[in-house]
N, C-alpha and C. Protein backbone atom coordinates (compact mmCIF):
# COMPACT_ATOMS: atom_id res chain seq x y z
N MET A 1 150.67 93.48 64.46
CA MET A 1 150.94 92.24 65.14
C MET A 1 152.17 92.50 66.15
N TYR A 2 151.58 91.39 67.32
CA TYR A 2 152.57 91.60 67.97
C TYR A 2 153.24 90.04 68.36
N THR A 3 154.32 90.28 69.37
CA THR A 3 155.00 88.90 69.68
C THR A 3 154.23 88.71 71.03
N TYR A 4 154.51 87.11 71.26
CA TYR A 4 153.70 86.82 72.65
C TYR A 4 154.40 87.36 73.70
N LYS A 5 155.83 87.39 73.69
CA LYS A 5 156.58 88.02 74.82
C LYS A 5 156.50 89.54 74.57
N ASN A 6 156.12 90.21 75.34
CA ASN A 6 156.43 91.60 75.15
C ASN A 6 157.55 92.35 75.28
N TYR A 7 158.09 92.53 74.18
CA TYR A 7 159.61 93.18 74.06
C TYR A 7 159.81 94.48 74.10
N ARG A 8 160.42 94.82 74.68
CA ARG A 8 160.21 96.24 75.11
C ARG A 8 161.50 96.99 74.02
N THR A 9 162.13 96.49 73.54
CA THR A 9 163.12 96.78 72.54
C THR A 9 163.33 95.86 71.32
N LYS A 10 163.49 96.33 70.08
CA LYS A 10 163.78 95.60 69.03
C LYS A 10 165.06 94.68 69.40
N LYS A 11 165.98 95.20 69.79
CA LYS A 11 167.51 94.60 70.04
C LYS A 11 166.96 93.33 70.83
N ALA A 12 166.37 93.22 71.79
CA ALA A 12 165.71 92.08 72.72
C ALA A 12 165.19 91.16 71.88
N PHE A 13 164.49 91.69 71.08
CA PHE A 13 163.39 90.76 70.15
C PHE A 13 164.40 90.45 69.22
N GLU A 14 165.34 90.80 68.81
CA GLU A 14 166.29 90.10 67.43
C GLU A 14 167.31 89.15 68.03
N GLU A 15 167.78 89.65 69.50
CA GLU A 15 168.67 88.40 70.31
C GLU A 15 167.85 87.44 70.59
N ASP A 16 166.59 87.15 70.91
CA ASP A 16 165.88 86.07 70.91
C ASP A 16 165.82 84.96 69.76
N VAL A 17 165.52 85.83 68.82
CA VAL A 17 165.31 85.23 67.36
C VAL A 17 166.46 84.53 67.23
N ILE A 18 167.70 85.31 67.06
CA ILE A 18 169.16 84.83 66.69
C ILE A 18 169.49 83.64 67.64
N ALA A 19 169.23 83.67 69.06
CA ALA A 19 169.51 82.59 69.86
C ALA A 19 168.62 81.27 69.69
N GLY A 20 167.73 81.32 68.87
CA GLY A 20 167.02 80.22 68.08
C GLY A 20 165.79 79.97 69.10
N LYS A 21 165.32 80.94 70.22
CA LYS A 21 164.30 80.91 71.12
C LYS A 21 162.87 80.71 70.21
N ASP A 22 161.97 80.40 70.81
CA ASP A 22 160.75 79.77 70.01
C ASP A 22 159.82 81.17 70.19
N VAL A 23 159.93 82.13 69.04
CA VAL A 23 159.13 83.51 69.08
C VAL A 23 158.02 83.30 68.30
N LYS A 24 156.88 83.59 68.67
CA LYS A 24 155.75 83.44 67.77
C LYS A 24 154.82 84.59 67.73
N ILE A 25 154.25 85.08 66.80
CA ILE A 25 153.40 86.21 66.74
C ILE A 25 151.82 85.94 66.71
N PHE A 26 151.15 87.35 66.98
CA PHE A 26 149.59 87.00 67.12
C PHE A 26 148.96 88.48 66.77
N GLN A 27 147.96 88.38 66.40
CA GLN A 27 147.04 89.60 66.26
C GLN A 27 145.96 89.83 67.14
N PRO A 28 146.15 90.59 67.79
CA PRO A 28 145.07 90.64 69.10
C PRO A 28 143.62 91.21 68.90
N GLY A 29 142.53 90.64 69.33
CA GLY A 29 141.43 91.07 68.99
C GLY A 29 140.61 90.95 67.53
N GLY A 30 139.78 90.99 67.48
CA GLY A 30 138.91 91.14 66.03
C GLY A 30 138.51 90.16 65.55
N MET A 31 137.52 89.92 64.43
CA MET A 31 137.35 88.94 63.80
C MET A 31 137.87 88.70 62.43
N PHE A 32 138.90 89.74 62.08
CA PHE A 32 139.28 89.55 60.75
C PHE A 32 140.91 89.17 61.16
N THR A 33 141.37 88.06 61.63
CA THR A 33 142.61 87.65 61.68
C THR A 33 143.10 87.36 60.53
N PRO A 34 144.42 88.02 60.31
CA PRO A 34 145.25 87.77 59.17
C PRO A 34 146.22 86.71 59.06
N PRO A 35 146.40 86.04 57.70
CA PRO A 35 146.95 84.57 57.84
C PRO A 35 148.24 84.74 58.37
N GLU A 36 149.21 85.50 58.73
CA GLU A 36 150.23 85.69 59.11
C GLU A 36 150.18 85.31 60.86
N ALA A 37 149.12 85.47 61.35
CA ALA A 37 148.98 85.00 62.88
C ALA A 37 148.64 83.75 62.95
N SER A 38 148.56 82.65 61.78
CA SER A 38 148.18 81.41 61.93
C SER A 38 149.47 80.69 62.57
N PRO A 39 149.25 79.38 63.36
CA PRO A 39 150.14 78.78 63.58
C PRO A 39 151.14 78.18 62.62
N SER A 40 150.48 78.05 61.58
CA SER A 40 150.93 77.10 60.09
C SER A 40 151.55 78.19 59.24
N TYR A 41 151.65 79.24 59.34
CA TYR A 41 152.04 80.32 58.43
C TYR A 41 153.47 80.39 58.15
N THR A 42 153.90 80.35 56.78
CA THR A 42 155.35 80.50 56.56
C THR A 42 155.28 81.83 55.45
N GLY A 43 155.96 82.62 55.68
CA GLY A 43 156.28 83.82 54.65
C GLY A 43 156.77 85.00 55.71
N LYS A 44 156.12 86.14 55.06
CA LYS A 44 156.52 87.39 55.61
C LYS A 44 155.56 88.12 56.55
N ALA A 45 155.84 88.91 57.59
CA ALA A 45 155.14 89.58 58.50
C ALA A 45 155.73 90.76 59.12
N TYR A 46 154.77 91.63 59.68
CA TYR A 46 155.46 92.83 60.25
C TYR A 46 154.66 92.85 61.65
N VAL A 47 155.98 93.19 62.50
CA VAL A 47 155.49 93.13 64.06
C VAL A 47 155.76 94.74 64.69
N GLU A 48 155.42 94.80 65.73
CA GLU A 48 155.51 95.63 66.34
C GLU A 48 155.42 95.77 67.80
N GLY A 49 156.41 96.77 68.69
CA GLY A 49 156.49 96.84 70.13
C GLY A 49 156.63 97.95 70.78
N PRO A 50 156.47 97.81 72.09
CA PRO A 50 155.82 96.98 72.90
C PRO A 50 154.60 96.96 72.71
N HIS A 51 153.70 96.31 73.24
CA HIS A 51 152.46 96.00 73.21
C HIS A 51 151.82 97.39 73.75
N PHE A 52 150.42 97.53 73.12
CA PHE A 52 149.26 98.50 73.71
C PHE A 52 148.99 98.27 75.05
N PRO A 53 148.99 99.09 76.05
CA PRO A 53 148.96 100.51 75.91
C PRO A 53 150.03 101.56 75.74
N LEU A 54 150.98 100.66 75.47
CA LEU A 54 152.59 101.76 75.52
C LEU A 54 152.52 102.04 74.15
N PRO A 55 153.42 103.10 74.21
CA PRO A 55 153.51 103.71 72.62
C PRO A 55 154.22 102.66 71.93
N HIS A 56 154.21 102.25 70.59
CA HIS A 56 155.26 101.49 69.83
C HIS A 56 156.41 102.02 69.52
N ARG A 57 157.57 101.38 70.14
CA ARG A 57 158.71 102.14 69.75
C ARG A 57 159.69 101.56 69.01
N TRP A 58 159.19 100.09 68.44
CA TRP A 58 159.83 99.62 67.38
C TRP A 58 159.10 98.83 66.58
N TYR A 59 159.56 98.81 65.18
CA TYR A 59 158.90 97.75 64.16
C TYR A 59 159.79 96.83 63.32
N ALA A 60 159.33 95.73 62.90
CA ALA A 60 160.39 94.89 62.32
C ALA A 60 159.44 94.12 61.05
N GLU A 61 160.24 93.89 60.26
CA GLU A 61 159.74 93.06 58.68
C GLU A 61 160.30 91.54 59.43
N VAL A 62 159.49 90.68 59.62
CA VAL A 62 160.08 89.29 59.98
C VAL A 62 159.63 87.96 58.96
N ASP A 63 160.63 87.16 58.91
CA ASP A 63 160.27 85.99 58.31
C ASP A 63 159.95 84.87 59.23
N VAL A 64 158.61 84.03 58.62
CA VAL A 64 158.16 83.33 59.69
C VAL A 64 158.10 82.02 59.14
N VAL A 65 158.45 80.79 59.42
CA VAL A 65 158.36 79.54 59.08
C VAL A 65 157.54 78.39 60.17
N GLU A 66 156.35 77.94 59.70
CA GLU A 66 155.53 77.43 60.34
C GLU A 66 155.11 78.16 61.93
N GLY A 67 154.92 79.49 61.77
CA GLY A 67 154.23 80.23 62.87
C GLY A 67 155.47 80.63 63.49
N ARG A 68 156.53 80.40 63.47
CA ARG A 68 157.80 80.75 64.44
C ARG A 68 158.87 81.65 63.69
N VAL A 69 159.22 83.03 64.17
CA VAL A 69 160.03 83.85 63.86
C VAL A 69 161.12 83.24 63.58
N VAL A 70 161.94 83.49 62.45
CA VAL A 70 163.08 82.68 62.11
C VAL A 70 164.14 83.94 61.74
N ARG A 71 163.81 85.31 61.38
CA ARG A 71 164.74 86.15 60.87
C ARG A 71 163.89 87.39 60.91
N VAL A 72 164.74 88.14 61.56
CA VAL A 72 164.30 89.98 61.63
C VAL A 72 165.09 90.44 60.74
N LYS A 73 164.27 91.46 59.91
CA LYS A 73 164.99 92.40 58.81
C LYS A 73 165.34 94.01 59.42
């Protein structure tokens, strides 16, 4: 899964989450969208960045509350 904003580094991603910005995640394409991509999802998810076609350079486990990332582990 990805964040809507294309973060180049995990540090930049974490800074926005800590600052309380509205960071949301999505699963690109495909007909099998996981529940973690739902705007009402609450729980654990995994994200990566930067977006394809660039090589992924960071990965993170996150806590999501009602579709919004609230903590990066």
